[in-house]
Amino acid sequence: MRITPALSLLLPLTLIAAAGCGVQNLPGNALADNRQDAIISPVALTGGLELNLASAAFQTQATSADVALLEFEVSSSVLSGPRVLTFDKNSLPADRRVKFKDLPPGDYSVKSLAKDAAGKTIGSKTATVSVAAGKTAVVQLSLKLVATEITNPNGHLYIDFEIVDGDIIVSPISEPSPFPSPSPTASASPDPLAGSLGLYNVTDKKLDNGFYQAKGTVYNSASSSLTGEIKAEFKEYKGIFVRRLEVVETKTLPLVIGSKKTCDFTLTSTEKADAVSVTVSVK
């Protein structure tokens, strides 16, 4: 067919008009999908979860110094699998909040684990929480470590005492002797503060690598701050026919402790040992 110049001008306009009319004839579901993308935000379809560690510090029976890693896990039937966050104990967020974002709405199980340097779990806590779309659920956590087994079954008693001067009684002056004997030289009295530092809850154990460890607490019963040291003598069995303990290493720990205060300590040998004796002294 031959197209005349006038007809060639009308053809683009006809195509444009047809294209414009075609928008009105789109299927209804296609139009609805375009509107849905424009109105609903993906943020409104998911929620968040925060584990708040700031409300309570670690409550420890085992020492918190043994904690190396903290692991947090959330799981739910609405997830394809658990989500896990792991932190070094000293690299927790500054606000003490562990956050899981973009969680589908639903019921969640929350688990927190404390692990030592060997990866052994030494404390755990579980909780359940519901996450709503567009909102952040908050779980308060107080993680208590497992109990520490000690080998010393005995208890301890400490008496906090004060020395008070006695009453002064004036006695009559006796007649001087014509041949007086020389008075003995007085010996120096012991330092009354030397007995103010006491040890309690002292435990010791042999480690898997053969080294020996001693843990305990020092208490200052005096009414003033004291400077002293904790001394540990690590001993090993020697001899073939006659077994005897000999000191193989001595470790000292400087100590400055306030009035009526306690101080926890841990001393570990760098030599293989079978026993330890611990003493505390005032400088």
C-alpha atoms as a PDB file:
ATOM      1  CA  MET A   1       0.000   0.000   0.000  1.00  0.00           C
ATOM      2  CA  ARG A   2       1.276   3.498  -0.742  1.00  0.00           C
ATOM      3  CA  ILE A   3       1.120   6.073   2.040  1.00  0.00           C
ATOM      4  CA  THR A   4       0.553   9.649   1.074  1.00  0.00           C
ATOM      5  CA  PRO A   5       2.331  12.474   2.988  1.00  0.00           C
ATOM      6  CA  ALA A   6      -0.873  13.512   4.715  1.00  0.00           C
ATOM      7  CA  LEU A   7      -1.566   9.964   5.832  1.00  0.00           C
ATOM      8  CA  SER A   8       1.997   9.582   7.149  1.00  0.00           C
ATOM      9  CA  LEU A   9       1.404  12.477   9.543  1.00  0.00           C
ATOM     10  CA  LEU A  10      -1.769  10.921  10.895  1.00  0.00           C
ATOM     11  CA  LEU A  11      -0.230   7.499  11.556  1.00  0.00           C
ATOM     12  CA  PRO A  12       2.063   8.451  14.537  1.00  0.00           C
ATOM     13  CA  LEU A  13      -0.794  10.346  16.134  1.00  0.00           C
ATOM     14  CA  THR A  14      -3.022   7.315  15.787  1.00  0.00           C
ATOM     15  CA  LEU A  15      -0.382   5.057  17.390  1.00  0.00           C
ATOM     16  CA  ILE A  16       0.086   7.468  20.310  1.00  0.00           C
ATOM     17  CA  ALA A  17      -3.652   7.581  20.886  1.00  0.00           C
ATOM     18  CA  ALA A  18      -3.813   3.811  20.793  1.00  0.00           C
ATOM     19  CA  ALA A  19      -1.003   3.546  23.324  1.00  0.00           C
ATOM     20  CA  GLY A  20      -2.765   5.958  25.642  1.00  0.00           C
ATOM     21  CA  CYS A  21      -6.036   4.026  25.418  1.00  0.00           C
ATOM     22  CA  GLY A  22      -4.180   0.805  26.150  1.00  0.00           C
ATOM     23  CA  VAL A  23      -3.461   1.960  29.756  1.00  0.00           C
ATOM     24  CA  GLN A  24      -7.169   1.975  30.503  1.00  0.00           C
ATOM     25  CA  ASN A  25      -7.509  -1.572  29.189  1.00  0.00           C
ATOM     26  CA  LEU A  26      -4.786  -3.149  31.496  1.00  0.00           C
ATOM     27  CA  PRO A  27      -5.962  -6.129  33.565  1.00  0.00           C
ATOM     28  CA  GLY A  28      -7.254  -5.218  37.015  1.00  0.00           C
ATOM     29  CA  ASN A  29      -4.625  -7.226  38.940  1.00  0.00           C
ATOM     30  CA  ALA A  30      -1.746  -5.463  37.162  1.00  0.00           C
ATOM     31  CA  LEU A  31      -3.074  -2.085  38.231  1.00  0.00           C
ATOM     32  CA  ALA A  32      -3.554  -3.282  41.813  1.00  0.00           C
ATOM     33  CA  ASP A  33       0.051  -4.529  42.003  1.00  0.00           C
ATOM     34  CA  ASN A  34       1.391  -1.137  40.895  1.00  0.00           C
ATOM     35  CA  ARG A  35      -0.659   0.621  43.585  1.00  0.00           C
ATOM     36  CA  GLN A  36       0.457  -1.842  46.269  1.00  0.00           C
ATOM     37  CA  ASP A  37       4.146  -1.179  45.534  1.00  0.00           C
ATOM     38  CA  ALA A  38       3.546   2.526  45.835  1.00  0.00           C
ATOM     39  CA  ILE A  39       1.620   2.459  49.145  1.00  0.00           C
ATOM     40  CA  ILE A  40       2.935  -0.305  51.436  1.00  0.00           C
ATOM     41  CA  SER A  41       6.450   0.142  52.890  1.00  0.00           C
ATOM     42  CA  PRO A  42       8.537  -3.027  53.488  1.00  0.00           C
ATOM     43  CA  VAL A  43       9.388  -1.635  56.942  1.00  0.00           C
ATOM     44  CA  ALA A  44       5.764  -1.987  58.024  1.00  0.00           C
ATOM     45  CA  LEU A  45       5.851  -5.718  57.213  1.00  0.00           C
ATOM     46  CA  THR A  46       8.648  -6.568  59.652  1.00  0.00           C
ATOM     47  CA  GLY A  47       9.460  -5.900  63.301  1.00  0.00           C
ATOM     48  CA  GLY A  48      12.567  -5.831  65.497  1.00  0.00           C
ATOM     49  CA  LEU A  49      13.837  -7.446  68.672  1.00  0.00           C
ATOM     50  CA  GLU A  50      16.256  -6.007  71.280  1.00  0.00           C
ATOM     51  CA  LEU A  51      17.931  -7.903  74.114  1.00  0.00           C
ATOM     52  CA  ASN A  52      18.469  -5.332  76.886  1.00  0.00           C
ATOM     53  CA  LEU A  53      21.543  -6.165  78.991  1.00  0.00           C
ATOM     54  CA  ALA A  54      21.666  -2.775  80.716  1.00  0.00           C
ATOM     55  CA  SER A  55      18.964  -3.427  83.318  1.00  0.00           C
ATOM     56  CA  ALA A  56      21.089  -5.814  85.430  1.00  0.00           C
ATOM     57  CA  ALA A  57      24.784  -6.662  85.583  1.00  0.00           C
ATOM     58  CA  PHE A  58      26.028 -10.217  85.452  1.00  0.00           C
ATOM     59  CA  GLN A  59      25.024 -12.122  88.599  1.00  0.00           C
ATOM     60  CA  THR A  60      27.818 -14.608  89.099  1.00  0.00           C
ATOM     61  CA  GLN A  61      28.378 -17.662  91.191  1.00  0.00           C
ATOM     62  CA  ALA A  62      31.097 -18.762  88.799  1.00  0.00           C
ATOM     63  CA  THR A  63      33.430 -15.802  88.253  1.00  0.00           C
ATOM     64  CA  SER A  64      32.591 -13.486  85.352  1.00  0.00           C
ATOM     65  CA  ALA A  65      36.308 -13.485  84.483  1.00  0.00           C
ATOM     66  CA  ASP A  66      35.722 -16.973  82.994  1.00  0.00           C
ATOM     67  CA  VAL A  67      33.291 -15.579  80.397  1.00  0.00           C
ATOM     68  CA  ALA A  68      34.938 -15.223  76.966  1.00  0.00           C
ATOM     69  CA  LEU A  69      32.034 -15.231  74.484  1.00  0.00           C
ATOM     70  CA  LEU A  70      28.347 -14.245  74.614  1.00  0.00           C
ATOM     71  CA  GLU A  71      26.014 -15.829  72.056  1.00  0.00           C
ATOM     72  CA  PHE A  72      22.432 -14.719  71.332  1.00  0.00           C
ATOM     73  CA  GLU A  73      19.976 -16.747  69.208  1.00  0.00           C
ATOM     74  CA  VAL A  74      16.398 -16.098  68.080  1.00  0.00           C
ATOM     75  CA  SER A  75      14.258 -18.777  66.440  1.00  0.00           C
ATOM     76  CA  SER A  76      10.661 -18.991  65.239  1.00  0.00           C
ATOM     77  CA  SER A  77       8.408 -20.987  62.941  1.00  0.00           C
ATOM     78  CA  VAL A  78       8.194 -17.879  60.745  1.00  0.00           C
ATOM     79  CA  LEU A  79      11.968 -17.972  60.094  1.00  0.00           C
ATOM     80  CA  SER A  80      13.736 -20.355  57.729  1.00  0.00           C
ATOM     81  CA  GLY A  81      16.337 -20.954  60.438  1.00  0.00           C
ATOM     82  CA  PRO A  82      17.730 -19.473  63.696  1.00  0.00           C
ATOM     83  CA  ARG A  83      19.541 -16.135  63.653  1.00  0.00           C
ATOM     84  CA  VAL A  84      22.662 -15.933  65.837  1.00  0.00           C
ATOM     85  CA  LEU A  85      24.860 -13.020  67.011  1.00  0.00           C
ATOM     86  CA  THR A  86      28.134 -13.689  68.858  1.00  0.00           C
ATOM     87  CA  PHE A  87      30.173 -11.126  70.822  1.00  0.00           C
ATOM     88  CA  ASP A  88      33.394 -11.065  72.778  1.00  0.00           C
ATOM     89  CA  LYS A  89      32.391 -10.065  76.326  1.00  0.00           C
ATOM     90  CA  ASN A  90      34.351  -6.800  76.016  1.00  0.00           C
ATOM     91  CA  SER A  91      32.904  -5.879  72.590  1.00  0.00           C
ATOM     92  CA  LEU A  92      29.209  -5.679  73.480  1.00  0.00           C
ATOM     93  CA  PRO A  93      27.370  -2.621  72.083  1.00  0.00           C
ATOM     94  CA  ALA A  94      27.915   0.518  74.149  1.00  0.00           C
ATOM     95  CA  ASP A  95      24.179   0.791  74.926  1.00  0.00           C
ATOM     96  CA  ARG A  96      24.134  -2.856  76.114  1.00  0.00           C
ATOM     97  CA  ARG A  97      21.419  -3.734  73.574  1.00  0.00           C
ATOM     98  CA  VAL A  98      21.732  -6.625  71.105  1.00  0.00           C
ATOM     99  CA  LYS A  99      19.435  -5.957  68.120  1.00  0.00           C
ATOM    100  CA  PHE A 100      17.801  -8.300  65.581  1.00  0.00           C
ATOM    101  CA  LYS A 101      16.166  -6.371  62.731  1.00  0.00           C
ATOM    102  CA  ASP A 102      13.742  -7.167  59.858  1.00  0.00           C
ATOM    103  CA  LEU A 103      11.986 -10.018  61.700  1.00  0.00           C
ATOM    104  CA  PRO A 104       8.657 -11.303  60.345  1.00  0.00           C
ATOM    105  CA  PRO A 105       5.809 -10.918  62.872  1.00  0.00           C
ATOM    106  CA  GLY A 106       5.261 -13.933  65.125  1.00  0.00           C
ATOM    107  CA  ASP A 107       6.247 -15.675  68.351  1.00  0.00           C
ATOM    108  CA  TYR A 108       9.988 -16.032  69.001  1.00  0.00           C
ATOM    109  CA  SER A 109      12.187 -18.060  71.331  1.00  0.00           C
ATOM    110  CA  VAL A 110      15.234 -16.163  72.615  1.00  0.00           C
ATOM    111  CA  LYS A 111      18.330 -17.949  73.962  1.00  0.00           C
ATOM    112  CA  SER A 112      21.476 -16.405  75.452  1.00  0.00           C
ATOM    113  CA  LEU A 113      24.644 -18.381  76.195  1.00  0.00           C
ATOM    114  CA  ALA A 114      27.852 -17.492  78.080  1.00  0.00           C
ATOM    115  CA  LYS A 115      30.905 -19.531  77.069  1.00  0.00           C
ATOM    116  CA  ASP A 116      34.448 -19.782  78.406  1.00  0.00           C
ATOM    117  CA  ALA A 117      37.622 -19.626  76.319  1.00  0.00           C
ATOM    118  CA  ALA A 118      37.352 -23.361  75.570  1.00  0.00           C
ATOM    119  CA  GLY A 119      33.837 -22.926  74.153  1.00  0.00           C
ATOM    120  CA  LYS A 120      32.124 -24.604  77.112  1.00  0.00           C
ATOM    121  CA  THR A 121      28.723 -23.182  78.082  1.00  0.00           C
ATOM    122  CA  ILE A 122      28.908 -21.830  81.651  1.00  0.00           C
ATOM    123  CA  GLY A 123      25.575 -19.988  81.738  1.00  0.00           C
ATOM    124  CA  SER A 124      22.330 -19.787  79.745  1.00  0.00           C
ATOM    125  CA  LYS A 125      18.968 -18.018  79.723  1.00  0.00           C
ATOM    126  CA  THR A 126      15.859 -18.501  77.564  1.00  0.00           C
ATOM    127  CA  ALA A 127      12.767 -16.377  77.047  1.00  0.00           C
ATOM    128  CA  THR A 128       9.784 -16.043  74.685  1.00  0.00           C
ATOM    129  CA  VAL A 129       8.483 -12.874  73.063  1.00  0.00           C
ATOM    130  CA  SER A 130       6.038 -11.775  70.337  1.00  0.00           C
ATOM    131  CA  VAL A 131       7.185  -9.458  67.519  1.00  0.00           C
ATOM    132  CA  ALA A 132       4.615  -7.186  65.874  1.00  0.00           C
ATOM    133  CA  ALA A 133       4.956  -5.573  62.439  1.00  0.00           C
ATOM    134  CA  GLY A 134       6.517  -2.119  62.527  1.00  0.00           C
ATOM    135  CA  LYS A 135       7.461  -2.390  66.232  1.00  0.00           C
ATOM    136  CA  THR A 136      10.487  -3.447  68.284  1.00  0.00           C
ATOM    137  CA  ALA A 137      10.034  -5.946  71.123  1.00  0.00           C
ATOM    138  CA  VAL A 138      12.428  -5.656  74.080  1.00  0.00           C
ATOM    139  CA  VAL A 139      13.574  -8.596  76.247  1.00  0.00           C
ATOM    140  CA  GLN A 140      15.243  -7.857  79.615  1.00  0.00           C
ATOM    141  CA  LEU A 141      18.059 -10.340  80.337  1.00  0.00           C
ATOM    142  CA  SER A 142      19.911 -11.158  83.551  1.00  0.00           C
ATOM    143  CA  LEU A 143      22.333 -13.989  82.767  1.00  0.00           C
ATOM    144  CA  LYS A 144      23.396 -16.011  85.826  1.00  0.00           C
ATOM    145  CA  LEU A 145      26.440 -18.252  85.463  1.00  0.00           C
ATOM    146  CA  VAL A 146      26.540 -21.866  86.589  1.00  0.00           C
ATOM    147  CA  ALA A 147      27.550 -22.652  90.162  1.00  0.00           C
ATOM    148  CA  THR A 148      31.251 -23.152  90.868  1.00  0.00           C
ATOM    149  CA  GLU A 149      32.200 -26.415  92.546  1.00  0.00           C
ATOM    150  CA  ILE A 150      34.746 -26.027  95.347  1.00  0.00           C
ATOM    151  CA  THR A 151      36.769 -28.682  97.151  1.00  0.00           C
ATOM    152  CA  ASN A 152      36.809 -26.946 100.552  1.00  0.00           C
ATOM    153  CA  PRO A 153      33.638 -27.930 102.491  1.00  0.00           C
ATOM    154  CA  ASN A 154      34.502 -25.868 105.578  1.00  0.00           C
ATOM    155  CA  GLY A 155      33.035 -22.530 106.572  1.00  0.00           C
ATOM    156  CA  HIS A 156      34.860 -19.513 107.963  1.00  0.00           C
ATOM    157  CA  LEU A 157      34.369 -17.192 110.926  1.00  0.00           C
ATOM    158  CA  TYR A 158      35.923 -13.744 111.241  1.00  0.00           C
ATOM    159  CA  ILE A 159      35.801 -11.579 114.360  1.00  0.00           C
ATOM    160  CA  ASP A 160      36.015  -7.844 113.770  1.00  0.00           C
ATOM    161  CA  PHE A 161      37.471  -6.418 116.990  1.00  0.00           C
ATOM    162  CA  GLU A 162      38.737  -3.141 118.457  1.00  0.00           C
ATOM    163  CA  ILE A 163      41.376  -2.771 121.184  1.00  0.00           C
ATOM    164  CA  VAL A 164      40.344  -0.301 123.921  1.00  0.00           C
ATOM    165  CA  ASP A 165      42.731   1.000 126.617  1.00  0.00           C
ATOM    166  CA  GLY A 166      42.059  -0.255 130.143  1.00  0.00           C
ATOM    167  CA  ASP A 167      41.332   1.960 133.135  1.00  0.00           C
ATOM    168  CA  ILE A 168      44.312   3.716 134.750  1.00  0.00           C
ATOM    169  CA  ILE A 169      44.777   2.886 138.475  1.00  0.00           C
ATOM    170  CA  VAL A 170      47.312   4.924 140.491  1.00  0.00           C
ATOM    171  CA  SER A 171      49.277   2.762 142.920  1.00  0.00           C
ATOM    172  CA  PRO A 172      51.407   4.131 145.835  1.00  0.00           C
ATOM    173  CA  ILE A 173      55.043   4.877 145.067  1.00  0.00           C
ATOM    174  CA  SER A 174      57.210   2.263 146.724  1.00  0.00           C
ATOM    175  CA  GLU A 175      60.419   3.051 148.574  1.00  0.00           C
ATOM    176  CA  PRO A 176      63.383   3.004 146.229  1.00  0.00           C
ATOM    177  CA  SER A 177      65.725   0.072 146.704  1.00  0.00           C
ATOM    178  CA  PRO A 178      69.243   0.957 147.831  1.00  0.00           C
ATOM    179  CA  PHE A 179      70.565  -1.484 145.245  1.00  0.00           C
ATOM    180  CA  PRO A 180      68.266  -1.231 142.235  1.00  0.00           C
ATOM    181  CA  SER A 181      68.603  -3.856 139.522  1.00  0.00           C
ATOM    182  CA  PRO A 182      68.643  -2.705 135.889  1.00  0.00           C
ATOM    183  CA  SER A 183      65.317  -2.863 134.068  1.00  0.00           C
ATOM    184  CA  PRO A 184      65.156  -5.261 131.117  1.00  0.00           C
ATOM    185  CA  THR A 185      65.047  -3.726 127.649  1.00  0.00           C
ATOM    186  CA  ALA A 186      61.526  -3.761 126.247  1.00  0.00           C
ATOM    187  CA  SER A 187      61.002  -5.782 123.052  1.00  0.00           C
ATOM    188  CA  ALA A 188      59.207  -4.274 120.065  1.00  0.00           C
ATOM    189  CA  SER A 189      55.457  -4.931 120.045  1.00  0.00           C
ATOM    190  CA  PRO A 190      53.967  -6.565 116.924  1.00  0.00           C
ATOM    191  CA  ASP A 191      52.188  -4.431 114.365  1.00  0.00           C
ATOM    192  CA  PRO A 192      48.476  -4.482 115.387  1.00  0.00           C
ATOM    193  CA  LEU A 193      47.452  -4.157 111.722  1.00  0.00           C
ATOM    194  CA  ALA A 194      49.300  -7.308 110.634  1.00  0.00           C
ATOM    195  CA  GLY A 195      46.330  -9.469 111.639  1.00  0.00           C
ATOM    196  CA  SER A 196      43.742  -7.249 109.957  1.00  0.00           C
ATOM    197  CA  LEU A 197      43.987  -8.972 106.562  1.00  0.00           C
ATOM    198  CA  GLY A 198      42.225 -12.346 106.404  1.00  0.00           C
ATOM    199  CA  LEU A 199      41.766 -14.991 103.696  1.00  0.00           C
ATOM    200  CA  TYR A 200      38.498 -16.784 103.034  1.00  0.00           C
ATOM    201  CA  ASN A 201      36.819 -18.863 100.303  1.00  0.00           C
ATOM    202  CA  VAL A 202      40.284 -20.021  99.209  1.00  0.00           C
ATOM    203  CA  THR A 203      40.082 -22.834  96.631  1.00  0.00           C
ATOM    204  CA  ASP A 204      42.813 -24.525  94.632  1.00  0.00           C
ATOM    205  CA  LYS A 205      42.863 -26.980  91.770  1.00  0.00           C
ATOM    206  CA  LYS A 206      45.223 -28.606  89.295  1.00  0.00           C
ATOM    207  CA  LEU A 207      44.549 -27.519  85.714  1.00  0.00           C
ATOM    208  CA  ASP A 208      44.473 -29.817  82.687  1.00  0.00           C
ATOM    209  CA  ASN A 209      47.887 -28.555  81.539  1.00  0.00           C
ATOM    210  CA  GLY A 210      49.483 -29.519  84.864  1.00  0.00           C
ATOM    211  CA  PHE A 211      49.654 -25.959  86.197  1.00  0.00           C
ATOM    212  CA  TYR A 212      48.082 -25.087  89.556  1.00  0.00           C
ATOM    213  CA  GLN A 213      45.602 -22.338  90.380  1.00  0.00           C
ATOM    214  CA  ALA A 214      44.528 -20.677  93.625  1.00  0.00           C
ATOM    215  CA  LYS A 215      41.476 -18.392  94.028  1.00  0.00           C
ATOM    216  CA  GLY A 216      40.122 -16.596  97.064  1.00  0.00           C
ATOM    217  CA  THR A 217      39.164 -13.360  98.779  1.00  0.00           C
ATOM    218  CA  VAL A 218      41.075 -11.027 101.095  1.00  0.00           C
ATOM    219  CA  TYR A 219      39.177  -9.043 103.763  1.00  0.00           C
ATOM    220  CA  ASN A 220      40.512  -5.940 105.545  1.00  0.00           C
ATOM    221  CA  SER A 221      38.915  -5.728 109.012  1.00  0.00           C
ATOM    222  CA  ALA A 222      40.904  -2.615 109.987  1.00  0.00           C
ATOM    223  CA  SER A 223      39.432   0.895 110.051  1.00  0.00           C
ATOM    224  CA  SER A 224      41.999   2.167 107.572  1.00  0.00           C
ATOM    225  CA  SER A 225      43.292   1.305 104.111  1.00  0.00           C
ATOM    226  CA  LEU A 226      46.186  -1.189 104.082  1.00  0.00           C
ATOM    227  CA  THR A 227      48.995  -2.047 101.674  1.00  0.00           C
ATOM    228  CA  GLY A 228      50.228  -5.615 101.561  1.00  0.00           C
ATOM    229  CA  GLU A 229      50.731  -8.607  99.305  1.00  0.00           C
ATOM    230  CA  ILE A 230      49.279 -12.046  98.589  1.00  0.00           C
ATOM    231  CA  LYS A 231      51.915 -14.785  98.322  1.00  0.00           C
ATOM    232  CA  ALA A 232      51.375 -18.197  96.697  1.00  0.00           C
ATOM    233  CA  GLU A 233      53.992 -20.972  96.935  1.00  0.00           C
ATOM    234  CA  PHE A 234      53.377 -23.654  94.313  1.00  0.00           C
ATOM    235  CA  LYS A 235      54.761 -27.079  95.271  1.00  0.00           C
ATOM    236  CA  GLU A 236      55.495 -30.324  93.439  1.00  0.00           C
ATOM    237  CA  TYR A 237      56.018 -33.851  94.764  1.00  0.00           C
ATOM    238  CA  LYS A 238      59.710 -34.836  94.596  1.00  0.00           C
ATOM    239  CA  GLY A 239      61.621 -37.987  95.453  1.00  0.00           C
ATOM    240  CA  ILE A 240      61.306 -41.626  94.481  1.00  0.00           C
ATOM    241  CA  PHE A 241      61.220 -43.600  97.741  1.00  0.00           C
ATOM    242  CA  VAL A 242      60.237 -40.728 100.047  1.00  0.00           C
ATOM    243  CA  ARG A 243      57.654 -38.360  98.584  1.00  0.00           C
ATOM    244  CA  ARG A 244      57.934 -34.764  99.682  1.00  0.00           C
ATOM    245  CA  LEU A 245      56.551 -31.434  98.507  1.00  0.00           C
ATOM    246  CA  GLU A 246      59.078 -28.856  97.351  1.00  0.00           C
ATOM    247  CA  VAL A 247      58.402 -25.267  96.264  1.00  0.00           C
ATOM    248  CA  VAL A 248      58.871 -24.955  92.493  1.00  0.00           C
ATOM    249  CA  GLU A 249      57.504 -21.412  92.026  1.00  0.00           C
ATOM    250  CA  THR A 250      56.512 -18.427  94.161  1.00  0.00           C
ATOM    251  CA  LYS A 251      54.129 -15.716  92.982  1.00  0.00           C
ATOM    252  CA  THR A 252      53.230 -12.493  94.800  1.00  0.00           C
ATOM    253  CA  LEU A 253      50.378 -10.091  94.113  1.00  0.00           C
ATOM    254  CA  PRO A 254      50.616  -6.484  95.412  1.00  0.00           C
ATOM    255  CA  LEU A 255      47.544  -5.457  97.368  1.00  0.00           C
ATOM    256  CA  VAL A 256      46.011  -2.099  98.289  1.00  0.00           C
ATOM    257  CA  ILE A 257      42.665  -2.608 100.052  1.00  0.00           C
ATOM    258  CA  GLY A 258      40.356  -0.137 101.725  1.00  0.00           C
ATOM    259  CA  SER A 259      38.869  -0.263 105.211  1.00  0.00           C
ATOM    260  CA  LYS A 260      36.230  -3.018 105.678  1.00  0.00           C
ATOM    261  CA  LYS A 261      36.652  -4.024 102.027  1.00  0.00           C
ATOM    262  CA  THR A 262      37.194  -7.323 100.171  1.00  0.00           C
ATOM    263  CA  CYS A 263      39.406  -8.134  97.191  1.00  0.00           C
ATOM    264  CA  ASP A 264      39.115 -11.255  94.972  1.00  0.00           C
ATOM    265  CA  PHE A 265      42.309 -12.774  93.566  1.00  0.00           C
ATOM    266  CA  THR A 266      43.443 -15.545  91.199  1.00  0.00           C
ATOM    267  CA  LEU A 267      47.045 -16.812  91.026  1.00  0.00           C
ATOM    268  CA  THR A 268      48.115 -19.460  88.490  1.00  0.00           C
ATOM    269  CA  SER A 269      51.522 -21.121  88.293  1.00  0.00           C
ATOM    270  CA  THR A 270      53.614 -21.268  85.143  1.00  0.00           C
ATOM    271  CA  GLU A 271      55.267 -24.471  86.353  1.00  0.00           C
ATOM    272  CA  LYS A 272      53.684 -27.868  86.875  1.00  0.00           C
ATOM    273  CA  ALA A 273      52.656 -28.277  90.519  1.00  0.00           C
ATOM    274  CA  ASP A 274      50.631 -30.510  92.853  1.00  0.00           C
ATOM    275  CA  ALA A 275      49.752 -28.145  95.708  1.00  0.00           C
ATOM    276  CA  VAL A 276      49.821 -24.498  96.806  1.00  0.00           C
ATOM    277  CA  SER A 277      49.966 -22.523 100.050  1.00  0.00           C
ATOM    278  CA  VAL A 278      48.618 -18.941 100.166  1.00  0.00           C
ATOM    279  CA  THR A 279      49.464 -16.237 102.717  1.00  0.00           C
ATOM    280  CA  VAL A 280      48.640 -12.539 103.002  1.00  0.00           C
ATOM    281  CA  SER A 281      50.727  -9.922 104.812  1.00  0.00           C
ATOM    282  CA  VAL A 282      50.762  -6.173 105.563  1.00  0.00           C
ATOM    283  CA  LYS A 283      53.607  -4.104 104.167  1.00  0.00           C
END
